[in-house]
Amino acid sequence: MSFSKALLVAPLAIAATAGSALAQEAMSLDQRVNETFASLTGPFVNLIFAPFPGTSFPWIVMWLVVAATVFTLYFGFVQLRYFRHAISLVKGDYSDPKDAGEVSHFQALATALSGTVGLGNIAGVAVAIGIGGPGATFWMILAGLLGMASKFTECTLGVKYRNEYPDGTVS
């Protein structure tokens, strides 16, 4: 190897070694934090994700189904009653260019969906049908309908308790 090549390769080798040492140190810090909090959170995780007695159905899923059912009944099947209204809103039937704000109804929907629908939702459907067969489709539709009432509740509370500041920002 020529001297000029050695001058180029040496700093790269040193940087690679230093970078790997920093990565190992960062991982060890991460592991230490994980071990510290694992002893505190472990009992809660075991309680929340423990299966319902006699089944492999976790408690957390049961609570989510119960909450979604309560929301559905309390709001009078809001996900079905206002479906046509939701489509009209997204189409822009209620949009007024003179209204305050910079985001259209469709843009707000697209932003909300981008934060909600991810790879897990897309790949999860294929995995559920692959494992559970065609009957899994019924349960996914039911979960989706119940989930709409939960999302309605979540968004309503978010709008109700948001802070609007004089400069126009919202938190």
Protein backbone atom coordinates (compact mmCIF):
# COMPACT_ATOMS: atom_id res chain seq x y z
CA MET A 1 0.00 0.00 0.00
CA SER A 2 1.36 3.39 -0.92
CA PHE A 3 1.92 6.12 1.64
CA SER A 4 -0.90 8.30 0.25
CA LYS A 5 -3.38 5.43 0.45
CA ALA A 6 -2.29 4.73 4.02
CA LEU A 7 -2.92 8.38 4.88
CA LEU A 8 -6.46 8.05 3.55
CA VAL A 9 -7.26 4.67 5.09
CA ALA A 10 -5.83 5.30 8.58
CA PRO A 11 -8.28 8.08 9.59
CA LEU A 12 -11.18 6.01 8.28
CA ALA A 13 -10.08 3.01 10.33
CA ILE A 14 -9.71 5.17 13.45
CA ALA A 15 -13.15 6.73 12.90
CA ALA A 16 -14.75 3.32 12.39
CA THR A 17 -13.17 1.99 15.59
CA ALA A 18 -14.24 5.06 17.58
CA GLY A 19 -17.75 4.88 16.15
CA SER A 20 -18.12 1.23 17.09
CA ALA A 21 -16.84 1.94 20.62
CA LEU A 22 -19.40 4.75 20.98
CA ALA A 23 -22.15 2.45 19.70
CA GLN A 24 -21.21 -0.20 22.26
CA GLU A 25 -21.17 2.42 25.04
CA ALA A 26 -24.58 3.74 23.95
CA MET A 27 -25.98 0.22 23.88
CA SER A 28 -24.69 -0.46 27.35
CA LEU A 29 -26.35 2.75 28.60
CA ASP A 30 -29.56 1.68 26.88
CA GLN A 31 -29.30 -1.73 28.48
CA ARG A 32 -28.71 -0.19 31.91
CA VAL A 33 -31.78 2.04 31.57
CA ASN A 34 -33.83 -0.93 30.36
CA GLU A 35 -32.75 -3.07 33.29
CA THR A 36 -33.51 -0.28 35.77
CA PHE A 37 -37.03 0.28 34.51
CA ALA A 38 -37.76 -3.38 33.75
CA SER A 39 -37.79 -4.19 37.46
CA LEU A 40 -40.28 -1.35 38.06
CA THR A 41 -42.56 -1.92 35.07
CA GLY A 42 -42.33 -5.71 34.85
CA PRO A 43 -45.18 -6.43 37.29
CA PHE A 44 -47.49 -3.98 35.51
CA VAL A 45 -46.67 -5.43 32.10
CA ASN A 46 -47.29 -8.94 33.39
CA LEU A 47 -50.64 -7.86 34.85
CA ILE A 48 -51.84 -5.96 31.78
CA PHE A 49 -50.84 -8.58 29.24
CA ALA A 50 -51.78 -11.60 31.36
CA PRO A 51 -54.28 -13.87 29.62
CA PHE A 52 -57.90 -13.93 30.69
CA PRO A 53 -58.39 -17.06 32.86
CA GLY A 54 -58.84 -20.18 30.76
CA THR A 55 -57.96 -18.46 27.47
CA SER A 56 -55.05 -16.88 25.65
CA PHE A 57 -57.04 -13.61 25.39
CA PRO A 58 -55.08 -10.78 27.12
CA TRP A 59 -56.79 -8.50 29.65
CA ILE A 60 -55.79 -5.38 27.70
CA VAL A 61 -57.67 -6.55 24.62
CA MET A 62 -60.72 -7.26 26.74
CA TRP A 63 -60.62 -3.75 28.23
CA LEU A 64 -60.27 -2.18 24.78
CA VAL A 65 -63.24 -4.18 23.47
CA VAL A 66 -65.34 -3.26 26.52
CA ALA A 67 -64.43 0.44 26.21
CA ALA A 68 -65.19 0.49 22.47
CA THR A 69 -68.52 -1.23 23.08
CA VAL A 70 -69.42 1.30 25.78
CA PHE A 71 -68.49 4.19 23.44
CA THR A 72 -70.55 2.64 20.64
CA LEU A 73 -73.62 2.24 22.83
CA TYR A 74 -73.23 5.60 24.61
CA PHE A 75 -72.95 7.55 21.36
CA GLY A 76 -75.75 5.57 19.70
CA PHE A 77 -73.67 3.78 17.05
CA VAL A 78 -72.05 7.03 15.92
CA GLN A 79 -69.83 5.16 13.46
CA LEU A 80 -72.89 4.03 11.50
CA ARG A 81 -75.27 6.97 12.01
CA TYR A 82 -72.86 9.64 10.77
CA PHE A 83 -71.05 7.69 8.07
CA ARG A 84 -72.83 9.53 5.25
CA HIS A 85 -72.08 12.86 6.96
CA ALA A 86 -68.40 11.90 7.23
CA ILE A 87 -68.25 11.20 3.49
CA SER A 88 -69.89 14.59 2.77
CA LEU A 89 -67.36 16.33 5.01
CA VAL A 90 -64.40 14.71 3.28
CA LYS A 91 -65.81 15.49 -0.17
CA GLY A 92 -65.85 19.16 0.81
CA ASP A 93 -69.61 19.75 0.89
CA TYR A 94 -69.21 21.80 4.09
CA SER A 95 -66.02 23.64 3.12
CA ASP A 96 -66.06 27.43 2.96
CA PRO A 97 -62.94 29.14 1.56
CA LYS A 98 -63.54 32.09 3.93
CA ASP A 99 -63.34 29.90 7.06
CA ALA A 100 -60.38 30.38 9.38
CA GLY A 101 -57.64 27.79 9.19
CA GLU A 102 -55.21 26.44 6.67
CA VAL A 103 -56.12 22.76 6.61
CA SER A 104 -59.07 21.37 4.65
CA HIS A 105 -61.25 18.55 5.95
CA PHE A 106 -59.60 16.10 3.57
CA GLN A 107 -56.10 17.21 4.61
CA ALA A 108 -57.02 16.74 8.27
CA LEU A 109 -58.34 13.24 7.53
CA ALA A 110 -55.26 12.31 5.51
CA THR A 111 -52.99 13.53 8.31
CA ALA A 112 -54.94 11.62 10.96
CA LEU A 113 -54.89 8.44 8.87
CA SER A 114 -51.17 8.74 8.21
CA GLY A 115 -50.57 8.66 11.95
CA THR A 116 -53.00 5.79 12.50
CA VAL A 117 -52.56 3.37 9.62
CA GLY A 118 -49.15 1.82 9.42
CA LEU A 119 -47.37 -1.29 8.29
CA GLY A 120 -48.84 -3.23 11.22
CA ASN A 121 -52.37 -2.53 10.03
CA ILE A 122 -51.57 -3.48 6.46
CA ALA A 123 -49.46 -6.56 7.14
CA GLY A 124 -51.59 -7.48 10.17
CA VAL A 125 -54.59 -8.17 7.95
CA ALA A 126 -52.64 -10.64 5.83
CA VAL A 127 -51.18 -12.34 8.91
CA ALA A 128 -54.60 -12.56 10.62
CA ILE A 129 -56.23 -14.13 7.57
CA GLY A 130 -53.25 -16.46 7.11
CA ILE A 131 -53.41 -17.64 10.72
CA GLY A 132 -57.15 -17.41 11.42
CA GLY A 133 -58.58 -18.17 8.00
CA PRO A 134 -61.47 -16.34 6.39
CA GLY A 135 -63.34 -16.15 9.72
CA ALA A 136 -60.77 -13.63 10.89
CA THR A 137 -62.27 -11.15 8.41
CA PHE A 138 -65.47 -10.95 10.47
CA TRP A 139 -63.55 -10.18 13.65
CA MET A 140 -61.42 -7.57 11.90
CA ILE A 141 -64.53 -5.82 10.57
CA LEU A 142 -66.11 -5.91 14.03
CA ALA A 143 -62.90 -4.57 15.61
CA GLY A 144 -62.76 -1.83 12.98
CA LEU A 145 -66.35 -0.76 13.64
CA LEU A 146 -65.80 -0.70 17.40
CA GLY A 147 -62.49 1.08 16.88
CA MET A 148 -64.29 3.87 15.01
CA ALA A 149 -66.22 4.75 18.17
CA SER A 150 -62.97 4.78 20.14
CA LYS A 151 -61.35 7.05 17.56
CA PHE A 152 -64.40 9.35 17.61
CA THR A 153 -64.11 9.63 21.40
CA GLU A 154 -60.37 10.23 21.19
CA CYS A 155 -60.69 13.00 18.58
CA THR A 156 -63.62 14.66 20.34
CA LEU A 157 -61.69 14.84 23.61
CA GLY A 158 -58.62 16.12 21.77
CA VAL A 159 -60.60 18.98 20.22
CA LYS A 160 -62.47 19.75 23.44
CA TYR A 161 -59.36 20.05 25.61
CA ARG A 162 -56.93 21.63 23.16
CA ASN A 163 -55.42 25.05 23.84
CA GLU A 164 -55.77 27.81 21.26
CA TYR A 165 -53.32 30.66 21.73
CA PRO A 166 -53.70 34.30 20.59
CA ASP A 167 -51.01 33.89 17.91
CA GLY A 168 -53.10 31.14 16.28
CA THR A 169 -51.10 28.12 17.43
CA VAL A 170 -52.89 25.12 18.86
CA SER A 171 -51.54 22.55 21.31
